[in-house]
N, C-alpha and C. Protein backbone atom coordinates (compact mmCIF):
# COMPACT_ATOMS: atom_id res chain seq x y z
N MET A 1 57.52 30.72 -7.16
CA MET A 1 57.32 32.01 -7.48
C MET A 1 55.97 32.34 -7.51
N PRO A 2 54.89 31.71 -7.51
CA PRO A 2 53.72 31.85 -7.35
C PRO A 2 53.40 32.37 -6.21
N ALA A 3 53.48 31.87 -4.67
CA ALA A 3 53.37 32.65 -3.61
C ALA A 3 53.99 34.12 -3.73
N ARG A 4 55.04 34.20 -4.71
CA ARG A 4 56.02 35.78 -4.43
C ARG A 4 54.79 36.42 -5.28
N ALA A 5 54.20 35.76 -5.84
CA ALA A 5 53.35 37.02 -7.13
C ALA A 5 52.11 37.31 -6.20
N VAL A 6 51.47 35.96 -5.72
CA VAL A 6 50.56 36.61 -4.76
C VAL A 6 50.80 38.06 -3.90
N SER A 7 51.31 37.29 -3.00
CA SER A 7 52.09 38.04 -2.23
C SER A 7 52.34 39.74 -2.40
N SER A 8 53.37 40.02 -3.92
CA SER A 8 54.00 40.78 -4.03
C SER A 8 52.99 42.44 -3.54
N PRO A 9 53.09 43.19 -3.38
CA PRO A 9 52.81 44.76 -2.68
C PRO A 9 52.30 45.24 -4.33
N VAL A 10 53.62 44.86 -5.28
CA VAL A 10 53.45 45.85 -6.58
C VAL A 10 53.04 44.98 -7.98
N ARG A 11 52.05 45.51 -8.08
CA ARG A 11 51.92 45.08 -9.38
C ARG A 11 52.66 44.39 -10.60
N GLU A 12 53.80 45.30 -10.53
CA GLU A 12 54.55 45.29 -11.96
C GLU A 12 55.56 43.87 -11.19
N GLY A 13 55.89 43.62 -10.36
CA GLY A 13 56.42 42.40 -9.99
C GLY A 13 55.49 41.27 -9.63
N ALA A 14 54.77 41.33 -9.22
CA ALA A 14 53.50 40.48 -9.26
C ALA A 14 53.59 39.63 -10.33
N GLU A 15 53.14 40.49 -11.44
CA GLU A 15 52.95 39.83 -12.65
C GLU A 15 54.62 39.46 -13.46
N GLY A 16 55.18 39.66 -12.91
CA GLY A 16 56.61 39.31 -13.22
C GLY A 16 56.81 38.14 -12.98
N HIS A 17 56.69 37.81 -11.77
CA HIS A 17 56.74 36.71 -11.17
C HIS A 17 55.93 35.38 -11.52
N PHE A 18 54.88 35.72 -12.12
CA PHE A 18 53.51 34.62 -12.77
C PHE A 18 54.46 34.41 -14.18
N ASP A 19 54.64 35.66 -14.90
CA ASP A 19 55.07 35.69 -16.32
C ASP A 19 56.04 34.72 -16.42
N LYS A 20 57.19 34.79 -15.25
CA LYS A 20 58.46 34.16 -15.15
C LYS A 20 58.33 32.28 -14.55
N ALA A 21 57.49 32.24 -14.10
CA ALA A 21 56.63 31.03 -13.29
C ALA A 21 55.66 30.28 -14.93
N LEU A 22 55.52 30.73 -15.01
CA LEU A 22 54.54 30.51 -16.51
C LEU A 22 55.32 30.12 -17.79
N ALA A 23 56.60 31.03 -17.92
CA ALA A 23 57.14 30.53 -19.10
C ALA A 23 58.23 29.99 -18.80
N ASP A 24 58.93 29.10 -17.80
CA ASP A 24 59.49 27.73 -17.26
C ASP A 24 59.30 26.70 -17.96
N PRO A 25 60.02 26.49 -19.10
CA PRO A 25 59.73 25.04 -19.96
C PRO A 25 59.64 23.52 -18.84
N ALA A 26 60.25 23.89 -17.73
CA ALA A 26 59.85 22.24 -17.02
C ALA A 26 58.37 22.46 -16.30
N GLY A 27 57.90 23.38 -16.46
CA GLY A 27 56.09 23.12 -15.84
C GLY A 27 55.79 22.19 -17.11
N ASP A 28 55.88 21.94 -18.30
CA ASP A 28 55.13 21.51 -19.30
C ASP A 28 54.70 20.29 -19.05
N GLN A 29 55.88 19.92 -18.05
CA GLN A 29 55.87 18.05 -17.46
C GLN A 29 54.94 18.08 -16.71
N TRP A 30 54.33 19.33 -15.76
CA TRP A 30 53.36 19.41 -14.49
C TRP A 30 52.09 19.92 -14.90
N PRO A 31 51.47 19.44 -16.17
CA PRO A 31 50.34 20.10 -16.49
C PRO A 31 49.10 20.40 -15.01
N PHE A 32 48.74 19.35 -14.41
CA PHE A 32 47.84 20.14 -13.33
C PHE A 32 48.69 21.49 -12.47
N GLU A 33 50.35 21.44 -12.24
CA GLU A 33 50.35 22.24 -11.69
C GLU A 33 50.05 23.38 -12.34
N ARG A 34 50.66 23.79 -13.62
CA ARG A 34 50.56 24.00 -14.70
C ARG A 34 49.14 25.11 -15.07
N ALA A 35 48.34 24.06 -15.11
CA ALA A 35 46.61 24.46 -15.33
C ALA A 35 46.77 25.66 -13.09
N GLN A 36 47.28 25.18 -12.94
CA GLN A 36 46.62 26.07 -11.22
C GLN A 36 48.03 26.69 -10.61
N LEU A 37 48.12 27.03 -11.80
CA LEU A 37 49.31 27.89 -11.72
C LEU A 37 48.46 29.46 -12.19
N ARG A 38 48.16 28.66 -14.05
CA ARG A 38 46.95 29.43 -14.72
C ARG A 38 45.91 30.07 -14.18
N LEU A 39 45.05 29.07 -13.28
CA LEU A 39 43.79 29.21 -12.69
C LEU A 39 44.15 31.07 -11.39
N ASP A 40 45.48 30.42 -10.78
CA ASP A 40 46.24 31.47 -9.69
C ASP A 40 46.45 33.22 -10.55
N TYR A 41 47.10 33.00 -11.01
CA TYR A 41 47.33 34.36 -12.19
C TYR A 41 45.68 35.12 -12.75
N ALA A 42 44.92 33.84 -13.30
CA ALA A 42 43.70 34.24 -13.82
C ALA A 42 42.77 35.63 -12.80
N GLU A 43 42.79 34.37 -11.35
CA GLU A 43 42.14 34.76 -10.77
C GLU A 43 42.75 36.63 -10.02
N TRP A 44 43.83 36.24 -10.21
CA TRP A 44 44.87 37.63 -9.78
C TRP A 44 44.68 38.57 -10.72
N LEU A 45 44.79 38.38 -11.92
CA LEU A 45 43.79 39.42 -13.24
C LEU A 45 43.09 40.03 -13.11
N ARG A 46 41.63 39.50 -12.81
CA ARG A 46 40.77 39.45 -12.52
C ARG A 46 40.50 40.51 -11.67
N ARG A 47 40.84 39.80 -10.10
CA ARG A 47 40.74 40.59 -9.28
C ARG A 47 41.22 42.31 -8.85
N ARG A 48 42.31 42.23 -10.35
CA ARG A 48 42.75 44.09 -10.79
C ARG A 48 42.32 44.94 -11.99
N ARG A 49 40.69 43.61 -12.57
CA ARG A 49 39.72 44.46 -13.01
C ARG A 49 40.14 44.11 -14.61
N ARG A 50 41.56 43.04 -14.90
CA ARG A 50 41.46 42.94 -15.89
C ARG A 50 41.18 41.46 -17.05
N ILE A 51 39.89 41.92 -16.67
CA ILE A 51 39.04 40.65 -17.52
C ILE A 51 39.14 40.29 -18.40
N ASN A 52 39.62 40.73 -19.69
CA ASN A 52 39.92 40.81 -20.78
C ASN A 52 41.43 39.80 -21.15
N ASP A 53 42.49 39.95 -20.15
CA ASP A 53 43.60 39.88 -19.96
C ASP A 53 43.28 37.70 -19.06
N ALA A 54 42.17 37.95 -18.39
CA ALA A 54 42.50 37.11 -17.38
C ALA A 54 41.64 35.38 -18.11
N LYS A 55 40.75 35.72 -19.02
CA LYS A 55 39.87 35.20 -20.28
C LYS A 55 40.38 34.15 -20.60
N PRO A 56 41.66 34.46 -21.13
CA PRO A 56 42.15 33.21 -22.06
C PRO A 56 42.80 32.55 -20.97
N VAL A 57 43.23 32.42 -20.23
CA VAL A 57 44.18 32.23 -19.39
C VAL A 57 43.53 31.19 -18.42
N LEU A 58 42.24 31.63 -18.17
CA LEU A 58 41.31 30.58 -17.37
C LEU A 58 40.84 29.96 -18.12
N ARG A 59 40.35 29.98 -19.71
CA ARG A 59 40.21 29.06 -20.34
C ARG A 59 41.30 27.69 -21.33
N GLN A 60 42.47 28.43 -20.84
CA GLN A 60 43.28 27.47 -20.52
C GLN A 60 43.74 26.86 -19.14
N ALA A 61 43.80 27.10 -18.61
CA ALA A 61 43.53 25.90 -17.04
C ALA A 61 42.35 24.97 -17.40
N LEU A 62 40.47 25.90 -18.16
CA LEU A 62 40.00 24.79 -17.50
C LEU A 62 40.30 23.99 -18.47
N GLY A 63 40.66 23.68 -19.54
CA GLY A 63 40.49 23.06 -20.49
C GLY A 63 42.00 21.90 -19.85
N THR A 64 42.80 22.07 -19.53
CA THR A 64 43.35 21.18 -18.46
C THR A 64 42.89 20.55 -17.60
N PHE A 65 42.06 21.12 -16.73
CA PHE A 65 41.46 20.59 -15.58
C PHE A 65 40.08 19.24 -15.96
N ARG A 66 39.48 20.04 -16.97
CA ARG A 66 38.62 18.78 -17.55
C ARG A 66 39.30 18.15 -18.65
N ARG A 67 41.01 17.99 -19.29
CA ARG A 67 41.48 17.33 -19.53
C ARG A 67 41.78 16.05 -18.92
N LEU A 68 42.12 16.80 -17.37
CA LEU A 68 43.12 15.72 -16.17
C LEU A 68 41.71 15.14 -15.79
N GLY A 69 40.26 16.04 -15.78
CA GLY A 69 38.86 15.08 -14.55
C GLY A 69 39.68 15.54 -13.78
N ALA A 70 39.87 16.49 -13.20
CA ALA A 70 40.07 16.95 -11.67
C ALA A 70 38.73 18.15 -12.13
N GLN A 71 37.74 17.61 -11.28
CA GLN A 71 36.25 18.05 -11.30
C GLN A 71 36.41 19.39 -10.51
N PRO A 72 36.91 19.48 -9.13
CA PRO A 72 36.53 20.59 -8.12
C PRO A 72 37.43 21.79 -8.97
N TRP A 73 38.72 21.53 -9.48
CA TRP A 73 39.08 22.54 -10.01
C TRP A 73 38.47 23.28 -11.42
N ALA A 74 38.09 22.28 -11.82
CA ALA A 74 37.13 22.80 -13.51
C ALA A 74 36.22 23.66 -12.81
N HIS A 75 35.69 23.35 -11.59
CA HIS A 75 34.23 23.89 -11.00
C HIS A 75 34.96 24.85 -10.90
N ARG A 76 35.96 25.35 -10.18
CA ARG A 76 36.64 26.78 -9.79
C ARG A 76 36.91 27.47 -11.02
N ALA A 77 37.54 26.65 -12.22
CA ALA A 77 38.01 27.42 -12.82
C ALA A 77 36.38 28.01 -13.58
N GLU A 78 35.46 27.65 -13.65
CA GLU A 78 34.28 27.63 -14.50
C GLU A 78 33.53 29.00 -13.33
N ALA A 79 33.48 28.99 -11.96
CA ALA A 79 33.10 29.74 -11.87
C ALA A 79 33.97 31.36 -12.04
N GLU A 80 35.01 31.43 -12.46
CA GLU A 80 36.23 32.37 -12.48
C GLU A 80 35.88 32.81 -13.75
N LEU A 81 35.55 32.31 -14.30
CA LEU A 81 35.23 32.50 -16.11
C LEU A 81 33.73 32.86 -15.70
N ARG A 82 33.01 32.65 -15.48
CA ARG A 82 31.66 33.40 -15.34
C ARG A 82 31.58 34.52 -14.31
N ALA A 83 32.37 34.39 -13.14
CA ALA A 83 32.84 36.52 -12.78
C ALA A 83 33.38 36.48 -14.24
N CYS A 84 33.92 36.38 -14.98
CA CYS A 84 34.71 37.06 -16.23
C CYS A 84 33.20 37.93 -16.94
N GLY A 85 32.09 37.25 -16.71
CA GLY A 85 30.66 37.18 -17.30
C GLY A 85 31.16 36.41 -19.15
N VAL A 86 31.32 35.09 -18.90
CA VAL A 86 31.74 33.99 -19.58
C VAL A 86 30.46 33.29 -19.50
N ALA A 87 29.53 32.26 -20.60
CA ALA A 87 28.87 31.84 -20.28
C ALA A 87 29.37 30.66 -20.81
N VAL A 88 29.65 29.52 -19.81
CA VAL A 88 30.21 28.28 -19.44
C VAL A 88 29.37 26.87 -19.64
N ALA A 89 29.81 26.39 -20.56
CA ALA A 89 29.00 25.26 -21.15
C ALA A 89 29.86 23.99 -20.11
N VAL A 90 28.63 23.65 -19.12
CA VAL A 90 29.10 22.56 -18.24
C VAL A 90 29.25 21.34 -19.48
N ALA A 91 30.27 20.43 -18.83
CA ALA A 91 30.70 19.39 -19.82
C ALA A 91 30.54 18.18 -19.39
N PRO A 92 28.99 17.87 -18.32
CA PRO A 92 29.27 16.41 -17.60
C PRO A 92 28.92 15.08 -18.42
N SER A 93 29.68 14.50 -18.26
CA SER A 93 29.37 13.28 -19.21
C SER A 93 28.02 12.86 -19.30
N GLU A 94 27.43 11.60 -20.36
CA GLU A 94 26.08 11.54 -20.57
C GLU A 94 25.54 11.00 -18.79
N ARG A 95 26.04 9.47 -18.53
CA ARG A 95 26.27 8.73 -17.39
C ARG A 95 25.90 9.71 -15.98
N GLU A 96 26.81 10.89 -16.05
CA GLU A 96 26.25 12.03 -14.85
C GLU A 96 24.95 11.94 -15.37
N ALA A 97 24.93 13.21 -16.79
CA ALA A 97 23.90 13.69 -17.07
C ALA A 97 22.55 12.88 -16.69
N LEU A 98 22.38 11.94 -17.16
CA LEU A 98 21.79 10.51 -16.58
C LEU A 98 20.63 10.26 -15.07
N GLN A 99 22.34 10.53 -14.43
CA GLN A 99 21.90 10.86 -13.08
C GLN A 99 21.56 11.67 -12.22
N GLU A 100 21.29 12.96 -12.94
CA GLU A 100 21.08 14.14 -12.44
C GLU A 100 19.56 14.31 -12.84
N LEU A 101 19.07 13.30 -13.53
CA LEU A 101 17.08 13.31 -13.87
C LEU A 101 16.46 12.22 -12.90
N THR A 102 15.19 13.32 -12.70
CA THR A 102 14.44 11.84 -11.90
C THR A 102 14.44 10.54 -12.69
N PRO A 103 13.87 9.64 -11.39
CA PRO A 103 13.21 8.19 -12.11
C PRO A 103 12.60 8.60 -12.73
N GLN A 104 11.34 9.28 -12.83
CA GLN A 104 10.39 8.97 -13.96
C GLN A 104 10.64 10.27 -15.03
N GLN A 105 11.91 11.12 -15.05
CA GLN A 105 12.27 12.09 -15.80
C GLN A 105 12.71 11.05 -16.85
N ARG A 106 14.08 10.09 -16.32
CA ARG A 106 14.84 9.00 -16.73
C ARG A 106 13.95 7.83 -17.84
N GLN A 107 12.81 7.47 -17.55
CA GLN A 107 12.03 6.98 -17.42
C GLN A 107 10.83 7.24 -18.55
N ILE A 108 10.37 8.53 -18.63
CA ILE A 108 10.20 9.11 -20.12
C ILE A 108 11.15 9.50 -21.16
N VAL A 109 12.49 9.82 -20.56
CA VAL A 109 13.42 10.45 -21.63
C VAL A 109 13.90 8.94 -22.23
N ARG A 110 13.64 7.74 -21.79
CA ARG A 110 13.71 6.56 -22.26
C ARG A 110 12.94 5.83 -23.32
N LEU A 111 11.75 5.97 -23.01
CA LEU A 111 10.69 5.66 -23.76
C LEU A 111 9.85 6.66 -24.88
N ALA A 112 10.62 8.20 -24.60
CA ALA A 112 10.48 9.26 -26.12
C ALA A 112 11.91 8.81 -27.15
N SER A 113 13.17 8.07 -26.67
CA SER A 113 14.12 7.90 -27.13
C SER A 113 13.69 6.55 -27.75
N ASP A 114 12.83 5.57 -27.60
CA ASP A 114 12.40 4.34 -28.49
C ASP A 114 11.55 4.85 -29.70
N GLY A 115 10.84 6.45 -29.27
CA GLY A 115 10.09 7.18 -30.46
C GLY A 115 8.90 7.16 -30.17
N LEU A 116 8.22 6.81 -28.88
CA LEU A 116 6.74 7.32 -28.17
C LEU A 116 6.75 8.25 -28.27
N THR A 117 5.43 8.58 -28.89
CA THR A 117 4.32 9.96 -28.31
C THR A 117 3.98 10.40 -27.32
N ASN A 118 4.29 11.67 -27.08
CA ASN A 118 3.98 12.37 -25.24
C ASN A 118 2.75 11.59 -25.12
N ARG A 119 1.66 11.11 -25.69
CA ARG A 119 0.20 10.75 -25.26
C ARG A 119 0.86 9.47 -24.99
N GLU A 120 1.36 8.60 -25.43
CA GLU A 120 1.77 6.84 -25.75
C GLU A 120 2.65 6.58 -24.23
N ILE A 121 3.32 7.71 -23.95
CA ILE A 121 4.12 7.81 -23.03
C ILE A 121 3.36 7.61 -21.74
N GLY A 122 2.59 8.67 -22.18
CA GLY A 122 1.07 9.29 -20.68
C GLY A 122 0.18 7.90 -20.69
N ASP A 123 0.34 7.19 -21.61
CA ASP A 123 -1.44 6.24 -21.38
C ASP A 123 -0.01 4.91 -20.70
N ARG A 124 1.34 4.85 -20.91
CA ARG A 124 1.77 4.05 -20.31
C ARG A 124 2.31 3.92 -18.78
N LEU A 125 2.62 5.27 -18.53
CA LEU A 125 3.04 5.68 -17.52
C LEU A 125 1.65 6.48 -16.38
N PHE A 126 0.58 6.36 -17.16
CA PHE A 126 -0.61 6.89 -16.52
C PHE A 126 -0.65 9.10 -15.80
N LEU A 127 0.44 9.10 -17.35
CA LEU A 127 1.02 10.51 -16.80
C LEU A 127 -0.06 11.11 -17.70
N SER A 128 -0.33 12.75 -17.92
CA SER A 128 -1.12 13.70 -18.86
C SER A 128 -0.16 13.41 -19.57
N PRO A 129 0.16 13.95 -21.08
CA PRO A 129 0.93 13.89 -22.58
C PRO A 129 1.49 15.57 -22.27
N ARG A 130 0.71 16.35 -21.06
CA ARG A 130 1.33 17.77 -21.05
C ARG A 130 2.47 17.56 -19.41
N THR A 131 2.40 16.57 -19.14
CA THR A 131 3.29 16.02 -17.55
C THR A 131 3.85 15.10 -18.52
N VAL A 132 4.03 15.07 -19.53
CA VAL A 132 5.19 14.77 -19.84
C VAL A 132 6.29 14.99 -20.80
N SER A 133 5.53 16.10 -21.37
CA SER A 133 5.85 16.92 -22.04
C SER A 133 7.02 18.40 -21.43
N SER A 134 6.42 18.06 -20.29
CA SER A 134 6.75 19.15 -18.97
C SER A 134 8.35 18.04 -18.37
N HIS A 135 7.62 17.35 -18.10
CA HIS A 135 9.51 16.33 -17.97
C HIS A 135 10.58 16.60 -18.92
N LEU A 136 10.31 16.32 -20.16
CA LEU A 136 11.43 16.33 -21.51
C LEU A 136 11.68 17.69 -21.15
N TYR A 137 11.03 18.84 -21.54
CA TYR A 137 11.44 19.79 -20.97
C TYR A 137 12.61 20.46 -20.23
N ARG A 138 12.53 19.79 -19.50
CA ARG A 138 12.94 19.72 -17.84
C ARG A 138 14.40 19.06 -18.18
N SER A 139 14.29 17.93 -18.83
CA SER A 139 15.15 16.95 -18.98
C SER A 139 16.37 17.78 -20.04
N TYR A 140 15.78 17.90 -20.74
CA TYR A 140 16.88 18.43 -22.26
C TYR A 140 17.77 19.14 -21.90
N PRO A 141 18.20 20.01 -21.36
CA PRO A 141 19.21 21.03 -20.87
C PRO A 141 20.17 20.23 -19.53
N LYS A 142 19.46 19.74 -18.99
CA LYS A 142 20.03 18.53 -18.28
C LYS A 142 21.26 17.40 -18.61
N LEU A 143 20.68 17.19 -20.06
CA LEU A 143 21.13 16.22 -20.95
C LEU A 143 22.59 16.76 -22.08
N GLY A 144 21.60 18.53 -22.23
CA GLY A 144 22.72 19.36 -23.42
C GLY A 144 21.70 18.02 -24.57
N VAL A 145 20.86 18.31 -24.65
CA VAL A 145 20.01 17.61 -26.10
C VAL A 145 19.07 19.27 -26.20
N ALA A 146 19.05 19.68 -27.72
CA ALA A 146 18.47 20.30 -28.04
C ALA A 146 16.49 19.67 -28.12
N GLY A 147 16.33 18.81 -28.73
CA GLY A 147 15.03 18.14 -28.95
C GLY A 147 14.99 16.80 -28.82
N ARG A 148 14.31 16.31 -29.45
CA ARG A 148 13.49 14.49 -29.05
C ARG A 148 14.87 13.22 -29.63
N HIS A 149 14.72 14.30 -31.25
CA HIS A 149 15.43 13.31 -31.54
C HIS A 149 17.03 13.00 -31.21
N GLN A 150 17.45 14.36 -30.39
CA GLN A 150 18.54 13.43 -29.78
C GLN A 150 18.56 12.28 -29.07
N LEU A 151 17.72 12.52 -28.31
CA LEU A 151 17.44 11.53 -27.16
C LEU A 151 18.44 9.80 -27.38
N ARG A 152 18.21 9.51 -28.30
CA ARG A 152 18.28 7.86 -28.66
C ARG A 152 19.70 7.89 -28.69
N ASP A 153 20.79 9.10 -29.64
CA ASP A 153 21.85 9.06 -29.18
C ASP A 153 22.45 8.84 -27.79
N VAL A 154 22.21 9.99 -27.38
CA VAL A 154 22.14 10.45 -25.83
C VAL A 154 22.34 8.63 -25.00
N ILE A 155 20.72 7.67 -25.20
CA ILE A 155 20.59 7.00 -24.29
C ILE A 155 21.74 5.74 -25.07
N ALA A 156 21.93 5.65 -26.14
CA ALA A 156 23.12 4.85 -26.56
C ALA A 156 24.58 4.64 -26.27
N ARG A 157 24.71 6.11 -25.86
CA ARG A 157 26.24 6.60 -25.71
C ARG A 157 26.07 6.17 -24.09
N THR A 158 25.14 6.58 -23.39
CA THR A 158 24.97 6.00 -21.89
C THR A 158 24.82 4.49 -21.57
N SER A 159 24.29 4.16 -22.24
CA SER A 159 23.78 1.89 -22.19
C SER A 159 25.18 1.67 -22.26
N THR A 160 25.48 0.80 -21.09
CA THR A 160 26.65 0.12 -21.10
C THR A 160 26.49 -0.91 -22.33
N PRO A 161 27.77 -1.18 -22.80
CA PRO A 161 28.21 -2.18 -24.22
C PRO A 161 27.29 -3.40 -23.25
N ALA A 162 26.64 -4.03 -24.30
CA ALA A 162 26.81 -5.64 -24.59
C ALA A 162 27.09 -6.44 -24.23
N ARG A 163 27.59 -7.97 -23.39
CA ARG A 163 28.27 -8.63 -22.83
C ARG A 163 28.60 -9.69 -24.09
N ALA A 164 29.64 -9.87 -23.98
CA ALA A 164 30.63 -10.78 -25.11
C ALA A 164 29.81 -11.87 -24.70
N PRO A 165 29.30 -13.35 -25.64
CA PRO A 165 28.27 -14.21 -25.61
C PRO A 165 29.44 -15.27 -24.76
N ARG A 166 29.41 -15.52 -23.40
CA ARG A 166 30.31 -16.40 -22.49
C ARG A 166 30.80 -17.38 -23.43
N LYS A 167 31.80 -18.41 -23.33
CA LYS A 167 31.88 -19.64 -24.12
C LYS A 167 31.51 -20.63 -23.13
N PRO A 168 31.00 -21.97 -23.77
CA PRO A 168 30.61 -22.91 -22.71
C PRO A 168 31.46 -23.63 -22.44
N CYS A 169 31.10 -23.44 -20.57
CA CYS A 169 32.34 -24.95 -20.24
C CYS A 169 32.35 -25.92 -20.00
N GLU A 170 33.08 -27.00 -20.00
CA GLU A 170 32.58 -28.37 -19.86
C GLU A 170 31.72 -28.63 -19.21
N ARG A 171 31.39 -29.06 -18.66
CA ARG A 171 30.45 -28.89 -17.67
C ARG A 171 29.33 -28.79 -18.21
N ASP A 172 29.06 -27.27 -19.17
CA ASP A 172 27.60 -26.90 -19.63
C ASP A 172 27.70 -27.98 -20.60
N SER A 173 28.74 -28.52 -21.59
CA SER A 173 28.45 -29.53 -22.06
C SER A 173 27.96 -30.61 -21.98
N ALA A 174 28.73 -30.86 -21.24
CA ALA A 174 28.34 -32.56 -20.21
C ALA A 174 26.84 -32.68 -19.85
N LEU A 175 26.27 -31.54 -19.68
CA LEU A 175 24.88 -31.12 -19.16
C LEU A 175 23.88 -30.99 -20.37
N THR A 176 24.23 -30.84 -21.50
CA THR A 176 23.47 -30.96 -22.72
C THR A 176 24.09 -32.06 -23.47
N ARG A 177 24.43 -32.94 -23.20
CA ARG A 177 24.70 -33.99 -23.56
C ARG A 177 24.23 -35.22 -22.90
N LEU A 178 23.23 -34.98 -21.26
CA LEU A 178 22.92 -35.76 -20.50
C LEU A 178 21.61 -35.36 -21.19
N GLN A 179 21.16 -34.61 -21.30
CA GLN A 179 19.35 -34.06 -21.64
C GLN A 179 18.78 -35.28 -22.72
């Protein structure tokens, strides 16, 4: 049905095909396909300058794509929302956000999250406090934080959990008895 809707020369006929496909209750079993259909419908609406009608449909599609982890499709929906004039907050995971930083920015962010001042960080890394400040300023948007006080939480969420202490095996206990 979506193919009929996109290729339909009559505007009302196309919208009817989209409405019929989206109203089908069987489509709820297939959230990815439903989100693709919503994206196609919203693109169709936007191209006909019905931007206010397209926005909620795009938001639904984007939410489903993000929930399912379909990054290319989420990027496409984000691009369509931006084309509608909606500011889209990109939701990268914290691990991905840390990987976007340069190695020096990562090091500075980790030191700042430990509570060091810009001067102390600069002394450790042989940088001026102003350079440290510049690196932090450029890192905040990539990490999705507003200030230094939020860095500790970001670093805590991204660090891997500590491994559970391993159980000693018989060989280890035999070695300790020999010593």
